[in-house]
């Protein structure tokens, strides 16, 4: 499968535009980040129920392309947590949709947290794709319009941040790439050890580090970087 982003005008597919439903500061920031627009993408009738893993949508689309052709269209799916949205919190999860050979864009992965919504709010990213060969995609994006929320999390309202493990990084300070620590991508365990000196071994309860000490996440910048860089898939 090609690692080159498919050049696509997302507004040419006849999908419902959603710009007017997004706060202007959020829309402006996301448009600057993605160089594209936000639409509603319908759920495919043969969609697969995901297991809540970051890899689900990307690998599902890869498998569909292998069988039927088409292209992967990646970008940011809005986490429709009503309470958070009502509080002015917008969290965008990196997600892939399938563009059929007939030029129909559909979501083929059901996120159980979205309660089987018939459509999902999707912001196409014209510059980023997951890499299903090496095993990486991107961290979530966080932005808030609520100044009280911004003060609580020590961020700026109207500004994009990478979000992982309860931590925030300004979008311009990091490329957002997050490697998957799964059995299918054993090379990423070697990458983790090489970059951060952390070696994981498998137990009945999952993977555990050989280092038993618990790092101080509040003050250990290197550990924070590691949590942004690697995603441990639990199932």
Protein backbone atom coordinates (compact mmCIF):
# COMPACT_ATOMS: atom_id res chain seq x y z
CA UNK A 1 0.00 0.00 0.00
CA UNK A 2 1.32 3.45 -0.89
CA UNK A 3 2.67 5.65 1.91
CA UNK A 4 1.91 8.76 -0.14
CA UNK A 5 -1.12 10.80 0.90
CA UNK A 6 -3.86 10.59 -1.74
CA UNK A 7 -4.44 14.04 -3.20
CA UNK A 8 -8.13 14.66 -2.68
CA UNK A 9 -10.47 17.62 -2.44
CA UNK A 10 -12.65 16.33 0.38
CA UNK A 11 -15.38 18.80 -0.57
CA UNK A 12 -15.76 17.17 -4.01
CA UNK A 13 -17.27 13.93 -2.70
CA UNK A 14 -20.78 15.20 -2.02
CA UNK A 15 -20.46 14.82 1.75
CA UNK A 16 -22.13 17.12 4.27
CA UNK A 17 -19.86 19.99 5.25
CA UNK A 18 -19.62 20.62 8.99
CA UNK A 19 -17.66 23.87 9.29
CA UNK A 20 -20.63 25.86 10.58
CA UNK A 21 -21.04 23.45 13.52
CA UNK A 22 -17.47 23.87 14.75
CA UNK A 23 -16.42 26.93 16.83
CA UNK A 24 -14.49 29.35 14.63
CA UNK A 25 -11.28 29.18 16.68
CA UNK A 26 -11.28 25.37 16.48
CA UNK A 27 -12.08 25.41 12.76
CA UNK A 28 -9.32 27.89 11.98
CA UNK A 29 -6.71 25.94 13.95
CA UNK A 30 -7.68 22.59 12.43
CA UNK A 31 -7.78 24.00 8.91
CA UNK A 32 -4.28 25.42 9.35
CA UNK A 33 -3.07 22.05 10.65
CA UNK A 34 -4.67 19.85 7.98
CA UNK A 35 -4.99 22.18 4.96
CA UNK A 36 -8.44 20.71 4.41
CA UNK A 37 -12.05 20.84 5.60
CA UNK A 38 -14.37 18.98 7.95
CA UNK A 39 -17.18 16.72 6.68
CA UNK A 40 -19.54 14.02 7.91
CA UNK A 41 -18.45 10.57 6.69
CA UNK A 42 -21.13 7.83 6.59
CA UNK A 43 -20.70 4.45 8.23
CA UNK A 44 -20.31 1.57 5.79
CA UNK A 45 -22.95 -1.18 5.95
CA UNK A 46 -20.18 -3.76 6.35
CA UNK A 47 -18.26 -1.82 8.99
CA UNK A 48 -16.23 -3.76 11.54
CA UNK A 49 -16.60 -3.19 15.27
CA UNK A 50 -13.29 -1.93 16.59
CA UNK A 51 -11.69 -3.07 19.83
CA UNK A 52 -10.79 0.42 21.02
CA UNK A 53 -7.24 0.25 19.69
CA UNK A 54 -5.40 2.99 17.83
CA UNK A 55 -4.53 0.55 15.06
CA UNK A 56 -8.11 -0.56 14.28
CA UNK A 57 -9.25 1.86 11.58
CA UNK A 58 -5.90 1.95 9.77
CA UNK A 59 -5.47 -1.82 9.55
CA UNK A 60 -9.14 -2.31 8.62
CA UNK A 61 -8.73 0.06 5.69
CA UNK A 62 -5.46 -1.60 4.65
CA UNK A 63 -7.20 -4.99 4.59
CA UNK A 64 -10.14 -3.60 2.60
CA UNK A 65 -7.78 -2.08 0.05
CA UNK A 66 -5.91 -5.38 -0.27
CA UNK A 67 -9.20 -7.12 -1.11
CA UNK A 68 -11.15 -4.52 -3.08
CA UNK A 69 -8.78 -1.73 -4.03
CA UNK A 70 -9.39 1.92 -3.31
CA UNK A 71 -7.42 4.33 -1.14
CA UNK A 72 -6.84 5.22 2.48
CA UNK A 73 -8.05 8.68 3.49
CA UNK A 74 -6.75 9.66 6.90
CA UNK A 75 -7.38 12.55 9.22
CA UNK A 76 -9.04 13.43 12.49
CA UNK A 77 -12.28 12.03 13.88
CA UNK A 78 -14.03 14.05 16.56
CA UNK A 79 -14.45 12.22 19.87
CA UNK A 80 -18.14 12.89 20.42
CA UNK A 81 -18.07 13.14 24.18
CA UNK A 82 -21.07 15.42 24.65
CA UNK A 83 -20.04 16.63 28.08
CA UNK A 84 -16.57 17.57 26.88
CA UNK A 85 -17.92 19.31 23.78
CA UNK A 86 -20.44 21.23 25.90
CA UNK A 87 -17.51 22.29 28.08
CA UNK A 88 -15.65 23.55 25.00
CA UNK A 89 -13.25 20.59 24.76
CA UNK A 90 -12.58 19.11 21.32
CA UNK A 91 -10.49 15.96 21.05
CA UNK A 92 -9.60 14.65 17.60
CA UNK A 93 -8.44 11.05 17.10
CA UNK A 94 -6.33 10.06 14.09
CA UNK A 95 -8.54 7.82 11.94
CA UNK A 96 -8.63 6.28 8.47
CA UNK A 97 -11.60 5.93 6.12
CA UNK A 98 -11.87 3.91 2.93
CA UNK A 99 -12.26 5.61 -0.46
CA UNK A 100 -13.79 3.00 -2.77
CA UNK A 101 -12.81 2.57 -6.43
CA UNK A 102 -16.17 4.24 -7.15
CA UNK A 103 -14.94 7.35 -5.25
CA UNK A 104 -17.25 6.84 -2.26
CA UNK A 105 -15.74 7.71 1.12
CA UNK A 106 -17.02 5.58 4.02
CA UNK A 107 -16.03 4.75 7.58
CA UNK A 108 -15.51 0.99 7.89
CA UNK A 109 -14.57 0.90 11.60
CA UNK A 110 -17.21 1.23 14.32
CA UNK A 111 -15.92 2.95 17.42
CA UNK A 112 -17.97 1.58 20.31
CA UNK A 113 -17.59 4.93 22.11
CA UNK A 114 -19.42 6.64 19.25
CA UNK A 115 -22.52 4.51 19.97
CA UNK A 116 -22.80 3.26 16.40
CA UNK A 117 -23.37 6.73 14.97
CA UNK A 118 -24.33 6.62 11.29
CA UNK A 119 -21.77 9.35 10.54
CA UNK A 120 -18.63 10.68 12.12
CA UNK A 121 -17.16 14.17 12.06
CA UNK A 122 -13.96 13.92 10.06
CA UNK A 123 -11.24 16.42 9.25
CA UNK A 124 -9.18 15.15 6.31
CA UNK A 125 -5.42 15.64 6.73
CA UNK A 126 -3.63 16.31 3.46
CA UNK A 127 -0.12 15.65 4.80
CA UNK A 128 -0.32 12.71 7.24
CA UNK A 129 -0.88 8.97 6.87
CA UNK A 130 -0.39 6.07 9.26
CA UNK A 131 2.47 3.75 8.40
CA UNK A 132 1.13 0.20 8.65
CA UNK A 133 4.51 -1.25 7.62
CA UNK A 134 6.59 0.29 10.42
CA UNK A 135 3.60 0.56 12.76
CA UNK A 136 2.90 4.16 13.66
CA UNK A 137 0.28 6.87 13.39
CA UNK A 138 -0.31 10.07 15.40
CA UNK A 139 -1.33 11.11 18.89
CA UNK A 140 -4.70 12.71 19.57
CA UNK A 141 -5.21 16.45 19.13
CA UNK A 142 -6.70 18.56 21.93
CA UNK A 143 -8.12 22.07 21.71
CA UNK A 144 -10.43 23.97 24.03
CA UNK A 145 -12.44 27.17 23.68
CA UNK A 146 -13.03 27.35 27.44
CA UNK A 147 -10.55 29.54 29.31
CA UNK A 148 -11.30 27.87 32.65
CA UNK A 149 -10.53 24.48 31.13
CA UNK A 150 -7.37 25.92 29.60
CA UNK A 151 -6.25 27.20 32.99
CA UNK A 152 -6.98 23.82 34.61
CA UNK A 153 -4.83 21.92 32.09
CA UNK A 154 -2.22 24.69 31.79
CA UNK A 155 -2.79 25.20 28.07
CA UNK A 156 -3.93 28.13 25.91
CA UNK A 157 -7.52 28.37 24.67
CA UNK A 158 -7.83 28.14 20.88
CA UNK A 159 -4.44 26.44 20.49
CA UNK A 160 -3.80 22.88 19.25
CA UNK A 161 -1.92 20.38 21.41
CA UNK A 162 -0.84 16.79 20.98
CA UNK A 163 -2.48 14.77 23.75
CA UNK A 164 -1.34 11.43 25.20
CA UNK A 165 -1.45 9.79 28.64
CA UNK A 166 -2.96 12.93 30.17
CA UNK A 167 -0.08 15.06 28.90
CA UNK A 168 -0.03 17.95 26.44
CA UNK A 169 2.54 19.18 23.92
CA UNK A 170 2.12 22.21 21.63
CA UNK A 171 1.46 21.00 18.10
CA UNK A 172 4.48 22.87 16.72
CA UNK A 173 6.92 21.31 19.23
CA UNK A 174 6.52 17.71 18.05
CA UNK A 175 5.63 15.73 14.93
CA UNK A 176 3.01 13.77 16.88
CA UNK A 177 4.17 10.38 15.59
CA UNK A 178 3.30 7.52 17.93
CA UNK A 179 4.73 4.02 17.46
CA UNK A 180 2.58 0.97 18.21
CA UNK A 181 3.99 -1.53 20.70
CA UNK A 182 2.25 -4.69 19.49
CA UNK A 183 3.25 -8.23 18.56
CA UNK A 184 2.89 -7.31 14.88
CA UNK A 185 5.53 -4.59 15.20
CA UNK A 186 8.32 -6.11 17.24
CA UNK A 187 10.79 -3.62 15.78
CA UNK A 188 9.14 -0.88 17.81
CA UNK A 189 10.16 -2.63 21.05
CA UNK A 190 13.75 -2.41 19.84
CA UNK A 191 13.21 1.24 18.95
CA UNK A 192 11.91 1.92 22.48
CA UNK A 193 14.97 0.32 24.06
CA UNK A 194 17.37 2.11 21.73
CA UNK A 195 15.83 5.56 22.18
CA UNK A 196 14.89 5.44 25.88
CA UNK A 197 16.76 2.48 27.39
CA UNK A 198 13.50 0.78 28.39
CA UNK A 199 13.24 -2.94 27.72
CA UNK A 200 9.85 -4.61 28.04
CA UNK A 201 9.22 -8.28 28.72
CA UNK A 202 5.95 -10.16 28.40
CA UNK A 203 4.07 -11.42 31.46
CA UNK A 204 0.60 -12.83 32.06
CA UNK A 205 -0.58 -9.30 32.77
CA UNK A 206 0.98 -7.87 29.64
CA UNK A 207 4.30 -6.19 28.94
CA UNK A 208 6.29 -4.88 31.89
CA UNK A 209 9.53 -2.87 32.01
CA UNK A 210 12.64 -4.37 33.53
CA UNK A 211 13.00 -1.10 35.42
CA UNK A 212 10.74 -1.39 38.49
CA UNK A 213 10.92 2.25 39.53
CA UNK A 214 7.96 4.42 38.63
CA UNK A 215 9.08 7.66 36.93
CA UNK A 216 7.89 11.06 38.10
CA UNK A 217 5.70 12.04 35.14
CA UNK A 218 5.28 15.58 36.42
CA UNK A 219 9.00 16.33 36.31
CA UNK A 220 10.57 13.74 34.04
CA UNK A 221 10.50 15.32 30.58
CA UNK A 222 12.20 12.33 28.96
CA UNK A 223 9.53 9.96 30.29
CA UNK A 224 6.84 12.32 29.03
CA UNK A 225 8.45 12.25 25.59
CA UNK A 226 8.43 8.44 25.69
CA UNK A 227 4.70 8.35 26.50
CA UNK A 228 4.02 10.52 23.47
CA UNK A 229 6.28 8.45 21.25
CA UNK A 230 5.04 4.94 22.04
CA UNK A 231 1.59 3.43 22.46
CA UNK A 232 1.20 0.17 24.39
CA UNK A 233 -1.75 -1.74 22.97
CA UNK A 234 -3.43 -3.63 25.78
CA UNK A 235 -5.57 -6.01 23.69
